[in-house]
Structures are given as structure tokens and as C-alpha cells.
Protein backbone atom coordinates (compact mmCIF):
# COMPACT_ATOMS: atom_id res chain seq x y z
CA UNK A 1 9.60 1.35 1.67
CA UNK A 2 6.95 1.17 -1.48
CA UNK A 3 4.54 4.08 -2.04
CA UNK A 4 1.56 2.66 -3.83
CA UNK A 5 -1.32 4.93 -5.29
CA UNK A 6 -4.69 2.81 -5.88
CA UNK A 7 -7.14 3.61 -9.11
CA UNK A 8 -9.50 1.91 -10.52
CA UNK A 9 -12.75 2.36 -12.85
CA UNK A 10 -11.63 5.37 -15.29
CA UNK A 11 -13.54 3.68 -18.32
CA UNK A 12 -10.96 5.78 -20.84
CA UNK A 13 -10.48 8.78 -18.25
CA UNK A 14 -7.11 10.06 -17.76
CA UNK A 15 -6.70 13.98 -16.56
CA UNK A 16 -3.38 15.63 -14.99
CA UNK A 17 -4.28 15.13 -11.34
CA UNK A 18 -4.38 11.34 -12.12
CA UNK A 19 -0.41 11.58 -13.20
CA UNK A 20 0.51 14.66 -10.72
CA UNK A 21 -0.25 11.40 -7.83
CA UNK A 22 1.20 8.98 -10.43
CA UNK A 23 4.28 10.69 -10.34
CA UNK A 24 4.84 10.64 -6.92
CA UNK A 25 4.00 7.22 -6.18
CA UNK A 26 7.12 4.56 -6.19
CA UNK A 27 3.89 2.01 -7.82
CA UNK A 28 0.91 2.04 -9.64
CA UNK A 29 -1.76 -0.22 -9.01
CA UNK A 30 -5.13 -0.09 -11.34
CA UNK A 31 -7.95 -2.31 -10.32
CA UNK A 32 -9.80 -2.74 -13.50
CA UNK A 33 -12.70 -0.62 -15.78
CA UNK A 34 -8.87 0.78 -17.71
CA UNK A 35 -11.27 1.42 -20.43
CA UNK A 36 -8.10 2.09 -23.01
CA UNK A 37 -4.42 1.12 -23.00
CA UNK A 38 -3.74 4.46 -23.51
CA UNK A 39 -4.94 5.31 -19.72
CA UNK A 40 -2.90 2.44 -18.93
CA UNK A 41 0.38 3.48 -21.51
CA UNK A 42 0.06 6.86 -20.07
CA UNK A 43 0.65 5.76 -16.18
CA UNK A 44 3.19 3.00 -16.68
CA UNK A 45 5.09 5.62 -18.80
CA UNK A 46 5.68 7.21 -15.01
CA UNK A 47 5.98 4.14 -12.91
CA UNK A 48 5.50 0.82 -13.09
CA UNK A 49 2.19 -0.24 -12.99
CA UNK A 50 0.21 -3.38 -11.94
CA UNK A 51 -3.27 -3.60 -13.47
CA UNK A 52 -6.27 -6.30 -13.22
CA UNK A 53 -9.02 -6.07 -16.22
CA UNK A 54 -12.58 -4.93 -15.76
CA UNK A 55 -16.13 -5.73 -16.79
CA UNK A 56 -16.12 -3.46 -19.26
CA UNK A 57 -12.58 -3.95 -20.92
CA UNK A 58 -12.62 -5.31 -24.71
CA UNK A 59 -10.13 -8.10 -25.59
CA UNK A 60 -7.22 -5.37 -26.43
CA UNK A 61 -7.14 -4.94 -22.58
CA UNK A 62 -7.87 -8.13 -20.99
CA UNK A 63 -4.68 -9.78 -23.73
CA UNK A 64 -2.58 -7.32 -21.66
CA UNK A 65 -3.08 -7.46 -18.04
CA UNK A 66 -5.15 -10.87 -16.40
CA UNK A 67 -7.94 -11.06 -14.37
CA UNK A 68 -6.57 -11.02 -11.28
CA UNK A 69 -2.97 -10.62 -9.85
CA UNK A 70 -1.45 -12.02 -6.78
CA UNK A 71 1.83 -10.60 -5.26
CA UNK A 72 4.32 -9.59 -2.93
CA UNK A 73 5.08 -6.18 -2.21
CA UNK A 74 7.06 -5.44 0.74
CA UNK A 75 6.34 -8.19 2.98
CA UNK A 76 2.88 -8.09 2.11
CA UNK A 77 0.46 -10.28 0.28
CA UNK A 78 -2.11 -8.91 -2.19
CA UNK A 79 -4.78 -9.98 -4.22
CA UNK A 80 -6.27 -7.25 -6.28
CA UNK A 81 -9.34 -7.80 -9.04
CA UNK A 82 -11.86 -6.32 -10.57
CA UNK A 83 -15.13 -7.70 -9.15
CA UNK A 84 -14.40 -9.05 -5.82
CA UNK A 85 -16.84 -7.14 -2.95
CA UNK A 86 -16.02 -7.04 0.38
CA UNK A 87 -16.01 -8.12 3.89
CA UNK A 88 -18.81 -10.65 4.99
CA UNK A 89 -19.76 -10.37 0.99
CA UNK A 90 -17.10 -11.76 -1.37
CA UNK A 91 -17.76 -12.26 -4.90
CA UNK A 92 -18.74 -15.87 -5.49
CA UNK A 93 -16.02 -16.46 -8.07
CA UNK A 94 -13.41 -15.86 -5.12
CA UNK A 95 -14.90 -16.46 -2.33
CA UNK A 96 -14.34 -19.72 -1.30
CA UNK A 97 -10.35 -19.33 -2.84
CA UNK A 98 -10.44 -16.16 -0.08
CA UNK A 99 -10.90 -17.96 2.51
CA UNK A 100 -8.71 -20.81 1.32
CA UNK A 101 -5.98 -18.37 1.80
CA UNK A 102 -6.39 -14.88 2.44
CA UNK A 103 -4.47 -12.08 1.17
CA UNK A 104 -3.20 -9.46 3.98
CA UNK A 105 -4.34 -7.10 1.43
CA UNK A 106 -7.44 -7.48 -0.76
CA UNK A 107 -7.84 -4.75 -3.67
CA UNK A 108 -10.92 -4.26 -6.06
CA UNK A 109 -13.25 -2.03 -7.53
CA UNK A 110 -16.09 -1.85 -9.62
CA UNK A 111 -18.63 -0.49 -7.28
CA UNK A 112 -16.98 3.15 -7.92
CA UNK A 113 -17.73 3.43 -4.13
CA UNK A 114 -14.95 4.25 -1.85
CA UNK A 115 -14.31 1.62 0.37
CA UNK A 116 -11.37 0.51 3.27
CA UNK A 117 -12.49 -1.89 5.55
CA UNK A 118 -10.84 -4.62 7.70
CA UNK A 119 -12.42 -7.96 7.51
CA UNK A 120 -11.37 -9.65 10.99
CA UNK A 121 -12.97 -13.09 10.02
CA UNK A 122 -9.74 -14.01 7.06
CA UNK A 123 -7.59 -10.83 8.91
CA UNK A 124 -7.20 -9.33 5.39
CA UNK A 125 -7.37 -5.53 4.89
CA UNK A 126 -9.99 -4.60 1.87
CA UNK A 127 -9.17 -1.55 -0.40
CA UNK A 128 -11.41 -0.16 -2.78
CA UNK A 129 -10.47 3.03 -4.14
CA UNK A 130 -13.50 3.97 -5.84
CA UNK A 131 -13.89 5.77 -8.92
CA UNK A 132 -11.67 8.39 -10.39
CA UNK A 133 -12.99 8.39 -14.25
CA UNK A 134 -15.85 10.51 -15.16
CA UNK A 135 -18.77 7.91 -15.99
CA UNK A 136 -21.00 5.73 -13.53
CA UNK A 137 -23.14 6.59 -10.48
CA UNK A 138 -20.34 8.08 -8.26
CA UNK A 139 -20.96 11.64 -6.98
CA UNK A 140 -16.70 12.41 -6.28
CA UNK A 141 -14.32 10.98 -8.05
CA UNK A 142 -11.24 8.86 -5.90
CA UNK A 143 -8.22 7.18 -5.36
CA UNK A 144 -6.21 5.93 -2.46
CA UNK A 145 -2.57 6.31 -1.89
CA UNK A 146 -0.59 4.32 0.76
CA UNK A 147 2.51 3.19 2.06
CA UNK A 148 4.09 -0.90 2.33
CA UNK A 149 6.88 -0.45 4.71
CA UNK A 150 8.33 -3.63 6.22
CA UNK A 151 4.73 -5.73 5.93
CA UNK A 152 3.09 -2.90 7.50
CA UNK A 153 0.57 -0.62 5.68
CA UNK A 154 0.59 2.83 6.60
CA UNK A 155 -0.26 6.35 5.94
CA UNK A 156 -3.65 5.62 3.74
CA UNK A 157 -4.93 8.93 2.11
CA UNK A 158 -8.17 9.20 0.09
CA UNK A 159 -7.58 11.69 -2.55
CA UNK A 160 -10.23 13.87 -3.83
CA UNK A 161 -10.56 14.93 -7.36
CA UNK A 162 -14.12 16.36 -7.77
CA UNK A 163 -17.27 15.82 -8.78
CA UNK A 164 -17.29 13.22 -11.91
């Protein structure tokens, strides 16, 4: 069993609420627009971290983290990127790749809109945790936590952290 904290779009913001949830996870996944290596340093000091860079991230962050990560977690094929779109409207950069070999779990950020939805056509679960930073058009700061166990994704919870 692996407890995941999924966040995105910190834009350089870190606070005690994020760190409190991070400390309870087994792994932390950051889906881009990190904003500062201080954010990922604080998270990685607590638990293993997987992250991708986003469109606002500078060359230092881009040297530290990839544009895409594809990995296995507890038997679940995961693909994480920052600008990914959503079922029926995937980003042009990944559209053909995701159709050729769809993951079981597709994670992205960028929109600042919390969205979890099933892609029936490709048989994958799409997750966007919204944004937990203070910059952007979102009204409420959000993250997701869930468990991957025995090839199943379960116990999904939305974490709302108040207004930005």
C-alpha cells in the first residue's frame, strides 16, 4: 500500500498545511509549476518525491525534474506531466502517445481546476489536483490524496485548504 499526496501549481508557495499532509504520505507527487526549488526541497526532506516541471519553471527546475514521468506504483502504470489536457481533449504534444499506450493513471496540472474523471475510451483515470499555491485564477487551494494498493487506486480524498 502506498499513500500518495498529489499537488500541483505551488508557484513557489509552501506552508504548514501542505507539509502536514506531506508528512502523512508515503510518496509526494508534484505535477508541475513548482516555482522554486525550495518547494521541492521541503517536500523531499519529508518523503520520496516525484515531480515534473511546468511552463513557469525556470532552467534550474527543468534541470532537476523532467517534463514527463512515466513509472509504476504498486502495479499501476502512471504518467505525470504538467500540461496534459483531459479526456477527449488531451494536449497535442501527448495525444497520439497516450492513445498508443495509455497509462492506468494520467496525472497533470496547469489548469488550476481540480478534476478527476474516467476516460472510458482509453480505460484510464485522469487526475488534476487543482492548485495549492496562491497565484492563479483558482478560488480554493486544493490537493488530492489517495492510496494505490494491489493495482487499485482507492480512498481518493480532496483536500481543500481555503481561499488563495
